[in-house]
Amino acid sequence: QLVESGGGLVQPGGSLRLSCAGSGS
């Protein structure tokens, strides 16, 4: 099960960090 998070609304030039849980190795 892959669960993505960290998105949102950001202004141009801004930053975000996304995470994906369940990736395995």
PDBML (XML) file of the C-alpha atoms, coordinates in Angstrom:
<?xml version="1.0" encoding="UTF-8" ?>
<PDBx:datablock datablockName="MODEL"
   xmlns:PDBx="http://pdbml.pdb.org/schema/pdbx-v50.xsd"
   xmlns:xsi="http://www.w3.org/2001/XMLSchema-instance"
   xsi:schemaLocation="http://pdbml.pdb.org/schema/pdbx-v50.xsd pdbx-v50.xsd">
   <PDBx:atom_siteCategory>
      <PDBx:atom_site id="1">
         <PDBx:B_iso_or_equiv>0.00</PDBx:B_iso_or_equiv>
         <PDBx:Cartn_x>0.000</PDBx:Cartn_x>
         <PDBx:Cartn_y>0.000</PDBx:Cartn_y>
         <PDBx:Cartn_z>0.000</PDBx:Cartn_z>
         <PDBx:auth_asym_id>A</PDBx:auth_asym_id>
         <PDBx:auth_atom_id>CA</PDBx:auth_atom_id>
         <PDBx:auth_comp_id>GLN</PDBx:auth_comp_id>
         <PDBx:auth_seq_id>1</PDBx:auth_seq_id>
         <PDBx:group_PDB>ATOM</PDBx:group_PDB>
         <PDBx:label_alt_id xsi:nil="true" />
         <PDBx:label_asym_id>A</PDBx:label_asym_id>
         <PDBx:label_atom_id>CA</PDBx:label_atom_id>
         <PDBx:label_comp_id>GLN</PDBx:label_comp_id>
         <PDBx:label_entity_id>1</PDBx:label_entity_id>
         <PDBx:label_seq_id>1</PDBx:label_seq_id>
         <PDBx:occupancy>1.00</PDBx:occupancy>
         <PDBx:pdbx_PDB_model_num>1</PDBx:pdbx_PDB_model_num>
         <PDBx:type_symbol>C</PDBx:type_symbol>
      </PDBx:atom_site>
      <PDBx:atom_site id="2">
         <PDBx:B_iso_or_equiv>0.00</PDBx:B_iso_or_equiv>
         <PDBx:Cartn_x>1.532</PDBx:Cartn_x>
         <PDBx:Cartn_y>3.273</PDBx:Cartn_y>
         <PDBx:Cartn_z>-1.130</PDBx:Cartn_z>
         <PDBx:auth_asym_id>A</PDBx:auth_asym_id>
         <PDBx:auth_atom_id>CA</PDBx:auth_atom_id>
         <PDBx:auth_comp_id>LEU</PDBx:auth_comp_id>
         <PDBx:auth_seq_id>2</PDBx:auth_seq_id>
         <PDBx:group_PDB>ATOM</PDBx:group_PDB>
         <PDBx:label_alt_id xsi:nil="true" />
         <PDBx:label_asym_id>A</PDBx:label_asym_id>
         <PDBx:label_atom_id>CA</PDBx:label_atom_id>
         <PDBx:label_comp_id>LEU</PDBx:label_comp_id>
         <PDBx:label_entity_id>1</PDBx:label_entity_id>
         <PDBx:label_seq_id>2</PDBx:label_seq_id>
         <PDBx:occupancy>1.00</PDBx:occupancy>
         <PDBx:pdbx_PDB_model_num>1</PDBx:pdbx_PDB_model_num>
         <PDBx:type_symbol>C</PDBx:type_symbol>
      </PDBx:atom_site>
      <PDBx:atom_site id="3">
         <PDBx:B_iso_or_equiv>0.00</PDBx:B_iso_or_equiv>
         <PDBx:Cartn_x>0.472</PDBx:Cartn_x>
         <PDBx:Cartn_y>6.436</PDBx:Cartn_y>
         <PDBx:Cartn_z>0.667</PDBx:Cartn_z>
         <PDBx:auth_asym_id>A</PDBx:auth_asym_id>
         <PDBx:auth_atom_id>CA</PDBx:auth_atom_id>
         <PDBx:auth_comp_id>VAL</PDBx:auth_comp_id>
         <PDBx:auth_seq_id>3</PDBx:auth_seq_id>
         <PDBx:group_PDB>ATOM</PDBx:group_PDB>
         <PDBx:label_alt_id xsi:nil="true" />
         <PDBx:label_asym_id>A</PDBx:label_asym_id>
         <PDBx:label_atom_id>CA</PDBx:label_atom_id>
         <PDBx:label_comp_id>VAL</PDBx:label_comp_id>
         <PDBx:label_entity_id>1</PDBx:label_entity_id>
         <PDBx:label_seq_id>3</PDBx:label_seq_id>
         <PDBx:occupancy>1.00</PDBx:occupancy>
         <PDBx:pdbx_PDB_model_num>1</PDBx:pdbx_PDB_model_num>
         <PDBx:type_symbol>C</PDBx:type_symbol>
      </PDBx:atom_site>
      <PDBx:atom_site id="4">
         <PDBx:B_iso_or_equiv>0.00</PDBx:B_iso_or_equiv>
         <PDBx:Cartn_x>1.518</PDBx:Cartn_x>
         <PDBx:Cartn_y>9.822</PDBx:Cartn_y>
         <PDBx:Cartn_z>-0.669</PDBx:Cartn_z>
         <PDBx:auth_asym_id>A</PDBx:auth_asym_id>
         <PDBx:auth_atom_id>CA</PDBx:auth_atom_id>
         <PDBx:auth_comp_id>GLU</PDBx:auth_comp_id>
         <PDBx:auth_seq_id>4</PDBx:auth_seq_id>
         <PDBx:group_PDB>ATOM</PDBx:group_PDB>
         <PDBx:label_alt_id xsi:nil="true" />
         <PDBx:label_asym_id>A</PDBx:label_asym_id>
         <PDBx:label_atom_id>CA</PDBx:label_atom_id>
         <PDBx:label_comp_id>GLU</PDBx:label_comp_id>
         <PDBx:label_entity_id>1</PDBx:label_entity_id>
         <PDBx:label_seq_id>4</PDBx:label_seq_id>
         <PDBx:occupancy>1.00</PDBx:occupancy>
         <PDBx:pdbx_PDB_model_num>1</PDBx:pdbx_PDB_model_num>
         <PDBx:type_symbol>C</PDBx:type_symbol>
      </PDBx:atom_site>
      <PDBx:atom_site id="5">
         <PDBx:B_iso_or_equiv>0.00</PDBx:B_iso_or_equiv>
         <PDBx:Cartn_x>1.450</PDBx:Cartn_x>
         <PDBx:Cartn_y>13.020</PDBx:Cartn_y>
         <PDBx:Cartn_z>1.379</PDBx:Cartn_z>
         <PDBx:auth_asym_id>A</PDBx:auth_asym_id>
         <PDBx:auth_atom_id>CA</PDBx:auth_atom_id>
         <PDBx:auth_comp_id>SER</PDBx:auth_comp_id>
         <PDBx:auth_seq_id>5</PDBx:auth_seq_id>
         <PDBx:group_PDB>ATOM</PDBx:group_PDB>
         <PDBx:label_alt_id xsi:nil="true" />
         <PDBx:label_asym_id>A</PDBx:label_asym_id>
         <PDBx:label_atom_id>CA</PDBx:label_atom_id>
         <PDBx:label_comp_id>SER</PDBx:label_comp_id>
         <PDBx:label_entity_id>1</PDBx:label_entity_id>
         <PDBx:label_seq_id>5</PDBx:label_seq_id>
         <PDBx:occupancy>1.00</PDBx:occupancy>
         <PDBx:pdbx_PDB_model_num>1</PDBx:pdbx_PDB_model_num>
         <PDBx:type_symbol>C</PDBx:type_symbol>
      </PDBx:atom_site>
      <PDBx:atom_site id="6">
         <PDBx:B_iso_or_equiv>0.00</PDBx:B_iso_or_equiv>
         <PDBx:Cartn_x>2.848</PDBx:Cartn_x>
         <PDBx:Cartn_y>16.522</PDBx:Cartn_y>
         <PDBx:Cartn_z>1.536</PDBx:Cartn_z>
         <PDBx:auth_asym_id>A</PDBx:auth_asym_id>
         <PDBx:auth_atom_id>CA</PDBx:auth_atom_id>
         <PDBx:auth_comp_id>GLY</PDBx:auth_comp_id>
         <PDBx:auth_seq_id>6</PDBx:auth_seq_id>
         <PDBx:group_PDB>ATOM</PDBx:group_PDB>
         <PDBx:label_alt_id xsi:nil="true" />
         <PDBx:label_asym_id>A</PDBx:label_asym_id>
         <PDBx:label_atom_id>CA</PDBx:label_atom_id>
         <PDBx:label_comp_id>GLY</PDBx:label_comp_id>
         <PDBx:label_entity_id>1</PDBx:label_entity_id>
         <PDBx:label_seq_id>6</PDBx:label_seq_id>
         <PDBx:occupancy>1.00</PDBx:occupancy>
         <PDBx:pdbx_PDB_model_num>1</PDBx:pdbx_PDB_model_num>
         <PDBx:type_symbol>C</PDBx:type_symbol>
      </PDBx:atom_site>
      <PDBx:atom_site id="7">
         <PDBx:B_iso_or_equiv>0.00</PDBx:B_iso_or_equiv>
         <PDBx:Cartn_x>1.047</PDBx:Cartn_x>
         <PDBx:Cartn_y>18.249</PDBx:Cartn_y>
         <PDBx:Cartn_z>-1.293</PDBx:Cartn_z>
         <PDBx:auth_asym_id>A</PDBx:auth_asym_id>
         <PDBx:auth_atom_id>CA</PDBx:auth_atom_id>
         <PDBx:auth_comp_id>GLY</PDBx:auth_comp_id>
         <PDBx:auth_seq_id>7</PDBx:auth_seq_id>
         <PDBx:group_PDB>ATOM</PDBx:group_PDB>
         <PDBx:label_alt_id xsi:nil="true" />
         <PDBx:label_asym_id>A</PDBx:label_asym_id>
         <PDBx:label_atom_id>CA</PDBx:label_atom_id>
         <PDBx:label_comp_id>GLY</PDBx:label_comp_id>
         <PDBx:label_entity_id>1</PDBx:label_entity_id>
         <PDBx:label_seq_id>7</PDBx:label_seq_id>
         <PDBx:occupancy>1.00</PDBx:occupancy>
         <PDBx:pdbx_PDB_model_num>1</PDBx:pdbx_PDB_model_num>
         <PDBx:type_symbol>C</PDBx:type_symbol>
      </PDBx:atom_site>
      <PDBx:atom_site id="8">
         <PDBx:B_iso_or_equiv>0.00</PDBx:B_iso_or_equiv>
         <PDBx:Cartn_x>-0.673</PDBx:Cartn_x>
         <PDBx:Cartn_y>21.592</PDBx:Cartn_y>
         <PDBx:Cartn_z>-1.051</PDBx:Cartn_z>
         <PDBx:auth_asym_id>A</PDBx:auth_asym_id>
         <PDBx:auth_atom_id>CA</PDBx:auth_atom_id>
         <PDBx:auth_comp_id>GLY</PDBx:auth_comp_id>
         <PDBx:auth_seq_id>8</PDBx:auth_seq_id>
         <PDBx:group_PDB>ATOM</PDBx:group_PDB>
         <PDBx:label_alt_id xsi:nil="true" />
         <PDBx:label_asym_id>A</PDBx:label_asym_id>
         <PDBx:label_atom_id>CA</PDBx:label_atom_id>
         <PDBx:label_comp_id>GLY</PDBx:label_comp_id>
         <PDBx:label_entity_id>1</PDBx:label_entity_id>
         <PDBx:label_seq_id>8</PDBx:label_seq_id>
         <PDBx:occupancy>1.00</PDBx:occupancy>
         <PDBx:pdbx_PDB_model_num>1</PDBx:pdbx_PDB_model_num>
         <PDBx:type_symbol>C</PDBx:type_symbol>
      </PDBx:atom_site>
      <PDBx:atom_site id="9">
         <PDBx:B_iso_or_equiv>0.00</PDBx:B_iso_or_equiv>
         <PDBx:Cartn_x>-1.032</PDBx:Cartn_x>
         <PDBx:Cartn_y>25.058</PDBx:Cartn_y>
         <PDBx:Cartn_z>-2.472</PDBx:Cartn_z>
         <PDBx:auth_asym_id>A</PDBx:auth_asym_id>
         <PDBx:auth_atom_id>CA</PDBx:auth_atom_id>
         <PDBx:auth_comp_id>LEU</PDBx:auth_comp_id>
         <PDBx:auth_seq_id>9</PDBx:auth_seq_id>
         <PDBx:group_PDB>ATOM</PDBx:group_PDB>
         <PDBx:label_alt_id xsi:nil="true" />
         <PDBx:label_asym_id>A</PDBx:label_asym_id>
         <PDBx:label_atom_id>CA</PDBx:label_atom_id>
         <PDBx:label_comp_id>LEU</PDBx:label_comp_id>
         <PDBx:label_entity_id>1</PDBx:label_entity_id>
         <PDBx:label_seq_id>9</PDBx:label_seq_id>
         <PDBx:occupancy>1.00</PDBx:occupancy>
         <PDBx:pdbx_PDB_model_num>1</PDBx:pdbx_PDB_model_num>
         <PDBx:type_symbol>C</PDBx:type_symbol>
      </PDBx:atom_site>
      <PDBx:atom_site id="10">
         <PDBx:B_iso_or_equiv>0.00</PDBx:B_iso_or_equiv>
         <PDBx:Cartn_x>2.201</PDBx:Cartn_x>
         <PDBx:Cartn_y>26.959</PDBx:Cartn_y>
         <PDBx:Cartn_z>-3.012</PDBx:Cartn_z>
         <PDBx:auth_asym_id>A</PDBx:auth_asym_id>
         <PDBx:auth_atom_id>CA</PDBx:auth_atom_id>
         <PDBx:auth_comp_id>VAL</PDBx:auth_comp_id>
         <PDBx:auth_seq_id>10</PDBx:auth_seq_id>
         <PDBx:group_PDB>ATOM</PDBx:group_PDB>
         <PDBx:label_alt_id xsi:nil="true" />
         <PDBx:label_asym_id>A</PDBx:label_asym_id>
         <PDBx:label_atom_id>CA</PDBx:label_atom_id>
         <PDBx:label_comp_id>VAL</PDBx:label_comp_id>
         <PDBx:label_entity_id>1</PDBx:label_entity_id>
         <PDBx:label_seq_id>10</PDBx:label_seq_id>
         <PDBx:occupancy>1.00</PDBx:occupancy>
         <PDBx:pdbx_PDB_model_num>1</PDBx:pdbx_PDB_model_num>
         <PDBx:type_symbol>C</PDBx:type_symbol>
      </PDBx:atom_site>
      <PDBx:atom_site id="11">
         <PDBx:B_iso_or_equiv>0.00</PDBx:B_iso_or_equiv>
         <PDBx:Cartn_x>3.152</PDBx:Cartn_x>
         <PDBx:Cartn_y>30.142</PDBx:Cartn_y>
         <PDBx:Cartn_z>-4.819</PDBx:Cartn_z>
         <PDBx:auth_asym_id>A</PDBx:auth_asym_id>
         <PDBx:auth_atom_id>CA</PDBx:auth_atom_id>
         <PDBx:auth_comp_id>GLN</PDBx:auth_comp_id>
         <PDBx:auth_seq_id>11</PDBx:auth_seq_id>
         <PDBx:group_PDB>ATOM</PDBx:group_PDB>
         <PDBx:label_alt_id xsi:nil="true" />
         <PDBx:label_asym_id>A</PDBx:label_asym_id>
         <PDBx:label_atom_id>CA</PDBx:label_atom_id>
         <PDBx:label_comp_id>GLN</PDBx:label_comp_id>
         <PDBx:label_entity_id>1</PDBx:label_entity_id>
         <PDBx:label_seq_id>11</PDBx:label_seq_id>
         <PDBx:occupancy>1.00</PDBx:occupancy>
         <PDBx:pdbx_PDB_model_num>1</PDBx:pdbx_PDB_model_num>
         <PDBx:type_symbol>C</PDBx:type_symbol>
      </PDBx:atom_site>
      <PDBx:atom_site id="12">
         <PDBx:B_iso_or_equiv>0.00</PDBx:B_iso_or_equiv>
         <PDBx:Cartn_x>5.416</PDBx:Cartn_x>
         <PDBx:Cartn_y>30.059</PDBx:Cartn_y>
         <PDBx:Cartn_z>-7.865</PDBx:Cartn_z>
         <PDBx:auth_asym_id>A</PDBx:auth_asym_id>
         <PDBx:auth_atom_id>CA</PDBx:auth_atom_id>
         <PDBx:auth_comp_id>PRO</PDBx:auth_comp_id>
         <PDBx:auth_seq_id>12</PDBx:auth_seq_id>
         <PDBx:group_PDB>ATOM</PDBx:group_PDB>
         <PDBx:label_alt_id xsi:nil="true" />
         <PDBx:label_asym_id>A</PDBx:label_asym_id>
         <PDBx:label_atom_id>CA</PDBx:label_atom_id>
         <PDBx:label_comp_id>PRO</PDBx:label_comp_id>
         <PDBx:label_entity_id>1</PDBx:label_entity_id>
         <PDBx:label_seq_id>12</PDBx:label_seq_id>
         <PDBx:occupancy>1.00</PDBx:occupancy>
         <PDBx:pdbx_PDB_model_num>1</PDBx:pdbx_PDB_model_num>
         <PDBx:type_symbol>C</PDBx:type_symbol>
      </PDBx:atom_site>
      <PDBx:atom_site id="13">
         <PDBx:B_iso_or_equiv>0.00</PDBx:B_iso_or_equiv>
         <PDBx:Cartn_x>9.017</PDBx:Cartn_x>
         <PDBx:Cartn_y>29.789</PDBx:Cartn_y>
         <PDBx:Cartn_z>-6.736</PDBx:Cartn_z>
         <PDBx:auth_asym_id>A</PDBx:auth_asym_id>
         <PDBx:auth_atom_id>CA</PDBx:auth_atom_id>
         <PDBx:auth_comp_id>GLY</PDBx:auth_comp_id>
         <PDBx:auth_seq_id>13</PDBx:auth_seq_id>
         <PDBx:group_PDB>ATOM</PDBx:group_PDB>
         <PDBx:label_alt_id xsi:nil="true" />
         <PDBx:label_asym_id>A</PDBx:label_asym_id>
         <PDBx:label_atom_id>CA</PDBx:label_atom_id>
         <PDBx:label_comp_id>GLY</PDBx:label_comp_id>
         <PDBx:label_entity_id>1</PDBx:label_entity_id>
         <PDBx:label_seq_id>13</PDBx:label_seq_id>
         <PDBx:occupancy>1.00</PDBx:occupancy>
         <PDBx:pdbx_PDB_model_num>1</PDBx:pdbx_PDB_model_num>
         <PDBx:type_symbol>C</PDBx:type_symbol>
      </PDBx:atom_site>
      <PDBx:atom_site id="14">
         <PDBx:B_iso_or_equiv>0.00</PDBx:B_iso_or_equiv>
         <PDBx:Cartn_x>8.049</PDBx:Cartn_x>
         <PDBx:Cartn_y>27.986</PDBx:Cartn_y>
         <PDBx:Cartn_z>-3.563</PDBx:Cartn_z>
         <PDBx:auth_asym_id>A</PDBx:auth_asym_id>
         <PDBx:auth_atom_id>CA</PDBx:auth_atom_id>
         <PDBx:auth_comp_id>GLY</PDBx:auth_comp_id>
         <PDBx:auth_seq_id>14</PDBx:auth_seq_id>
         <PDBx:group_PDB>ATOM</PDBx:group_PDB>
         <PDBx:label_alt_id xsi:nil="true" />
         <PDBx:label_asym_id>A</PDBx:label_asym_id>
         <PDBx:label_atom_id>CA</PDBx:label_atom_id>
         <PDBx:label_comp_id>GLY</PDBx:label_comp_id>
         <PDBx:label_entity_id>1</PDBx:label_entity_id>
         <PDBx:label_seq_id>14</PDBx:label_seq_id>
         <PDBx:occupancy>1.00</PDBx:occupancy>
         <PDBx:pdbx_PDB_model_num>1</PDBx:pdbx_PDB_model_num>
         <PDBx:type_symbol>C</PDBx:type_symbol>
      </PDBx:atom_site>
      <PDBx:atom_site id="15">
         <PDBx:B_iso_or_equiv>0.00</PDBx:B_iso_or_equiv>
         <PDBx:Cartn_x>8.964</PDBx:Cartn_x>
         <PDBx:Cartn_y>24.549</PDBx:Cartn_y>
         <PDBx:Cartn_z>-2.264</PDBx:Cartn_z>
         <PDBx:auth_asym_id>A</PDBx:auth_asym_id>
         <PDBx:auth_atom_id>CA</PDBx:auth_atom_id>
         <PDBx:auth_comp_id>SER</PDBx:auth_comp_id>
         <PDBx:auth_seq_id>15</PDBx:auth_seq_id>
         <PDBx:group_PDB>ATOM</PDBx:group_PDB>
         <PDBx:label_alt_id xsi:nil="true" />
         <PDBx:label_asym_id>A</PDBx:label_asym_id>
         <PDBx:label_atom_id>CA</PDBx:label_atom_id>
         <PDBx:label_comp_id>SER</PDBx:label_comp_id>
         <PDBx:label_entity_id>1</PDBx:label_entity_id>
         <PDBx:label_seq_id>15</PDBx:label_seq_id>
         <PDBx:occupancy>1.00</PDBx:occupancy>
         <PDBx:pdbx_PDB_model_num>1</PDBx:pdbx_PDB_model_num>
         <PDBx:type_symbol>C</PDBx:type_symbol>
      </PDBx:atom_site>
      <PDBx:atom_site id="16">
         <PDBx:B_iso_or_equiv>0.00</PDBx:B_iso_or_equiv>
         <PDBx:Cartn_x>7.243</PDBx:Cartn_x>
         <PDBx:Cartn_y>21.398</PDBx:Cartn_y>
         <PDBx:Cartn_z>-1.099</PDBx:Cartn_z>
         <PDBx:auth_asym_id>A</PDBx:auth_asym_id>
         <PDBx:auth_atom_id>CA</PDBx:auth_atom_id>
         <PDBx:auth_comp_id>LEU</PDBx:auth_comp_id>
         <PDBx:auth_seq_id>16</PDBx:auth_seq_id>
         <PDBx:group_PDB>ATOM</PDBx:group_PDB>
         <PDBx:label_alt_id xsi:nil="true" />
         <PDBx:label_asym_id>A</PDBx:label_asym_id>
         <PDBx:label_atom_id>CA</PDBx:label_atom_id>
         <PDBx:label_comp_id>LEU</PDBx:label_comp_id>
         <PDBx:label_entity_id>1</PDBx:label_entity_id>
         <PDBx:label_seq_id>16</PDBx:label_seq_id>
         <PDBx:occupancy>1.00</PDBx:occupancy>
         <PDBx:pdbx_PDB_model_num>1</PDBx:pdbx_PDB_model_num>
         <PDBx:type_symbol>C</PDBx:type_symbol>
      </PDBx:atom_site>
      <PDBx:atom_site id="17">
         <PDBx:B_iso_or_equiv>0.00</PDBx:B_iso_or_equiv>
         <PDBx:Cartn_x>8.442</PDBx:Cartn_x>
         <PDBx:Cartn_y>18.034</PDBx:Cartn_y>
         <PDBx:Cartn_z>0.136</PDBx:Cartn_z>
         <PDBx:auth_asym_id>A</PDBx:auth_asym_id>
         <PDBx:auth_atom_id>CA</PDBx:auth_atom_id>
         <PDBx:auth_comp_id>ARG</PDBx:auth_comp_id>
         <PDBx:auth_seq_id>17</PDBx:auth_seq_id>
         <PDBx:group_PDB>ATOM</PDBx:group_PDB>
         <PDBx:label_alt_id xsi:nil="true" />
         <PDBx:label_asym_id>A</PDBx:label_asym_id>
         <PDBx:label_atom_id>CA</PDBx:label_atom_id>
         <PDBx:label_comp_id>ARG</PDBx:label_comp_id>
         <PDBx:label_entity_id>1</PDBx:label_entity_id>
         <PDBx:label_seq_id>17</PDBx:label_seq_id>
         <PDBx:occupancy>1.00</PDBx:occupancy>
         <PDBx:pdbx_PDB_model_num>1</PDBx:pdbx_PDB_model_num>
         <PDBx:type_symbol>C</PDBx:type_symbol>
      </PDBx:atom_site>
      <PDBx:atom_site id="18">
         <PDBx:B_iso_or_equiv>0.00</PDBx:B_iso_or_equiv>
         <PDBx:Cartn_x>6.394</PDBx:Cartn_x>
         <PDBx:Cartn_y>14.985</PDBx:Cartn_y>
         <PDBx:Cartn_z>-0.772</PDBx:Cartn_z>
         <PDBx:auth_asym_id>A</PDBx:auth_asym_id>
         <PDBx:auth_atom_id>CA</PDBx:auth_atom_id>
         <PDBx:auth_comp_id>LEU</PDBx:auth_comp_id>
         <PDBx:auth_seq_id>18</PDBx:auth_seq_id>
         <PDBx:group_PDB>ATOM</PDBx:group_PDB>
         <PDBx:label_alt_id xsi:nil="true" />
         <PDBx:label_asym_id>A</PDBx:label_asym_id>
         <PDBx:label_atom_id>CA</PDBx:label_atom_id>
         <PDBx:label_comp_id>LEU</PDBx:label_comp_id>
         <PDBx:label_entity_id>1</PDBx:label_entity_id>
         <PDBx:label_seq_id>18</PDBx:label_seq_id>
         <PDBx:occupancy>1.00</PDBx:occupancy>
         <PDBx:pdbx_PDB_model_num>1</PDBx:pdbx_PDB_model_num>
         <PDBx:type_symbol>C</PDBx:type_symbol>
      </PDBx:atom_site>
      <PDBx:atom_site id="19">
         <PDBx:B_iso_or_equiv>0.00</PDBx:B_iso_or_equiv>
         <PDBx:Cartn_x>6.565</PDBx:Cartn_x>
         <PDBx:Cartn_y>11.663</PDBx:Cartn_y>
         <PDBx:Cartn_z>1.054</PDBx:Cartn_z>
         <PDBx:auth_asym_id>A</PDBx:auth_asym_id>
         <PDBx:auth_atom_id>CA</PDBx:auth_atom_id>
         <PDBx:auth_comp_id>SER</PDBx:auth_comp_id>
         <PDBx:auth_seq_id>19</PDBx:auth_seq_id>
         <PDBx:group_PDB>ATOM</PDBx:group_PDB>
         <PDBx:label_alt_id xsi:nil="true" />
         <PDBx:label_asym_id>A</PDBx:label_asym_id>
         <PDBx:label_atom_id>CA</PDBx:label_atom_id>
         <PDBx:label_comp_id>SER</PDBx:label_comp_id>
         <PDBx:label_entity_id>1</PDBx:label_entity_id>
         <PDBx:label_seq_id>19</PDBx:label_seq_id>
         <PDBx:occupancy>1.00</PDBx:occupancy>
         <PDBx:pdbx_PDB_model_num>1</PDBx:pdbx_PDB_model_num>
         <PDBx:type_symbol>C</PDBx:type_symbol>
      </PDBx:atom_site>
      <PDBx:atom_site id="20">
         <PDBx:B_iso_or_equiv>0.00</PDBx:B_iso_or_equiv>
         <PDBx:Cartn_x>5.579</PDBx:Cartn_x>
         <PDBx:Cartn_y>8.172</PDBx:Cartn_y>
         <PDBx:Cartn_z>-0.042</PDBx:Cartn_z>
         <PDBx:auth_asym_id>A</PDBx:auth_asym_id>
         <PDBx:auth_atom_id>CA</PDBx:auth_atom_id>
         <PDBx:auth_comp_id>CYS</PDBx:auth_comp_id>
         <PDBx:auth_seq_id>20</PDBx:auth_seq_id>
         <PDBx:group_PDB>ATOM</PDBx:group_PDB>
         <PDBx:label_alt_id xsi:nil="true" />
         <PDBx:label_asym_id>A</PDBx:label_asym_id>
         <PDBx:label_atom_id>CA</PDBx:label_atom_id>
         <PDBx:label_comp_id>CYS</PDBx:label_comp_id>
         <PDBx:label_entity_id>1</PDBx:label_entity_id>
         <PDBx:label_seq_id>20</PDBx:label_seq_id>
         <PDBx:occupancy>1.00</PDBx:occupancy>
         <PDBx:pdbx_PDB_model_num>1</PDBx:pdbx_PDB_model_num>
         <PDBx:type_symbol>C</PDBx:type_symbol>
      </PDBx:atom_site>
      <PDBx:atom_site id="21">
         <PDBx:B_iso_or_equiv>0.00</PDBx:B_iso_or_equiv>
         <PDBx:Cartn_x>5.140</PDBx:Cartn_x>
         <PDBx:Cartn_y>5.580</PDBx:Cartn_y>
         <PDBx:Cartn_z>2.685</PDBx:Cartn_z>
         <PDBx:auth_asym_id>A</PDBx:auth_asym_id>
         <PDBx:auth_atom_id>CA</PDBx:auth_atom_id>
         <PDBx:auth_comp_id>ALA</PDBx:auth_comp_id>
         <PDBx:auth_seq_id>21</PDBx:auth_seq_id>
         <PDBx:group_PDB>ATOM</PDBx:group_PDB>
         <PDBx:label_alt_id xsi:nil="true" />
         <PDBx:label_asym_id>A</PDBx:label_asym_id>
         <PDBx:label_atom_id>CA</PDBx:label_atom_id>
         <PDBx:label_comp_id>ALA</PDBx:label_comp_id>
         <PDBx:label_entity_id>1</PDBx:label_entity_id>
         <PDBx:label_seq_id>21</PDBx:label_seq_id>
         <PDBx:occupancy>1.00</PDBx:occupancy>
         <PDBx:pdbx_PDB_model_num>1</PDBx:pdbx_PDB_model_num>
         <PDBx:type_symbol>C</PDBx:type_symbol>
      </PDBx:atom_site>
      <PDBx:atom_site id="22">
         <PDBx:B_iso_or_equiv>0.00</PDBx:B_iso_or_equiv>
         <PDBx:Cartn_x>5.233</PDBx:Cartn_x>
         <PDBx:Cartn_y>1.863</PDBx:Cartn_y>
         <PDBx:Cartn_z>1.912</PDBx:Cartn_z>
         <PDBx:auth_asym_id>A</PDBx:auth_asym_id>
         <PDBx:auth_atom_id>CA</PDBx:auth_atom_id>
         <PDBx:auth_comp_id>GLY</PDBx:auth_comp_id>
         <PDBx:auth_seq_id>22</PDBx:auth_seq_id>
         <PDBx:group_PDB>ATOM</PDBx:group_PDB>
         <PDBx:label_alt_id xsi:nil="true" />
         <PDBx:label_asym_id>A</PDBx:label_asym_id>
         <PDBx:label_atom_id>CA</PDBx:label_atom_id>
         <PDBx:label_comp_id>GLY</PDBx:label_comp_id>
         <PDBx:label_entity_id>1</PDBx:label_entity_id>
         <PDBx:label_seq_id>22</PDBx:label_seq_id>
         <PDBx:occupancy>1.00</PDBx:occupancy>
         <PDBx:pdbx_PDB_model_num>1</PDBx:pdbx_PDB_model_num>
         <PDBx:type_symbol>C</PDBx:type_symbol>
      </PDBx:atom_site>
      <PDBx:atom_site id="23">
         <PDBx:B_iso_or_equiv>0.00</PDBx:B_iso_or_equiv>
         <PDBx:Cartn_x>7.956</PDBx:Cartn_x>
         <PDBx:Cartn_y>1.930</PDBx:Cartn_y>
         <PDBx:Cartn_z>-0.735</PDBx:Cartn_z>
         <PDBx:auth_asym_id>A</PDBx:auth_asym_id>
         <PDBx:auth_atom_id>CA</PDBx:auth_atom_id>
         <PDBx:auth_comp_id>SER</PDBx:auth_comp_id>
         <PDBx:auth_seq_id>23</PDBx:auth_seq_id>
         <PDBx:group_PDB>ATOM</PDBx:group_PDB>
         <PDBx:label_alt_id xsi:nil="true" />
         <PDBx:label_asym_id>A</PDBx:label_asym_id>
         <PDBx:label_atom_id>CA</PDBx:label_atom_id>
         <PDBx:label_comp_id>SER</PDBx:label_comp_id>
         <PDBx:label_entity_id>1</PDBx:label_entity_id>
         <PDBx:label_seq_id>23</PDBx:label_seq_id>
         <PDBx:occupancy>1.00</PDBx:occupancy>
         <PDBx:pdbx_PDB_model_num>1</PDBx:pdbx_PDB_model_num>
         <PDBx:type_symbol>C</PDBx:type_symbol>
      </PDBx:atom_site>
      <PDBx:atom_site id="24">
         <PDBx:B_iso_or_equiv>0.00</PDBx:B_iso_or_equiv>
         <PDBx:Cartn_x>9.971</PDBx:Cartn_x>
         <PDBx:Cartn_y>-1.052</PDBx:Cartn_y>
         <PDBx:Cartn_z>0.549</PDBx:Cartn_z>
         <PDBx:auth_asym_id>A</PDBx:auth_asym_id>
         <PDBx:auth_atom_id>CA</PDBx:auth_atom_id>
         <PDBx:auth_comp_id>GLY</PDBx:auth_comp_id>
         <PDBx:auth_seq_id>24</PDBx:auth_seq_id>
         <PDBx:group_PDB>ATOM</PDBx:group_PDB>
         <PDBx:label_alt_id xsi:nil="true" />
         <PDBx:label_asym_id>A</PDBx:label_asym_id>
         <PDBx:label_atom_id>CA</PDBx:label_atom_id>
         <PDBx:label_comp_id>GLY</PDBx:label_comp_id>
         <PDBx:label_entity_id>1</PDBx:label_entity_id>
         <PDBx:label_seq_id>24</PDBx:label_seq_id>
         <PDBx:occupancy>1.00</PDBx:occupancy>
         <PDBx:pdbx_PDB_model_num>1</PDBx:pdbx_PDB_model_num>
         <PDBx:type_symbol>C</PDBx:type_symbol>
      </PDBx:atom_site>
      <PDBx:atom_site id="25">
         <PDBx:B_iso_or_equiv>0.00</PDBx:B_iso_or_equiv>
         <PDBx:Cartn_x>13.608</PDBx:Cartn_x>
         <PDBx:Cartn_y>-1.439</PDBx:Cartn_y>
         <PDBx:Cartn_z>-0.407</PDBx:Cartn_z>
         <PDBx:auth_asym_id>A</PDBx:auth_asym_id>
         <PDBx:auth_atom_id>CA</PDBx:auth_atom_id>
         <PDBx:auth_comp_id>SER</PDBx:auth_comp_id>
         <PDBx:auth_seq_id>25</PDBx:auth_seq_id>
         <PDBx:group_PDB>ATOM</PDBx:group_PDB>
         <PDBx:label_alt_id xsi:nil="true" />
         <PDBx:label_asym_id>A</PDBx:label_asym_id>
         <PDBx:label_atom_id>CA</PDBx:label_atom_id>
         <PDBx:label_comp_id>SER</PDBx:label_comp_id>
         <PDBx:label_entity_id>1</PDBx:label_entity_id>
         <PDBx:label_seq_id>25</PDBx:label_seq_id>
         <PDBx:occupancy>1.00</PDBx:occupancy>
         <PDBx:pdbx_PDB_model_num>1</PDBx:pdbx_PDB_model_num>
         <PDBx:type_symbol>C</PDBx:type_symbol>
      </PDBx:atom_site>
   </PDBx:atom_siteCategory>
</PDBx:datablock>
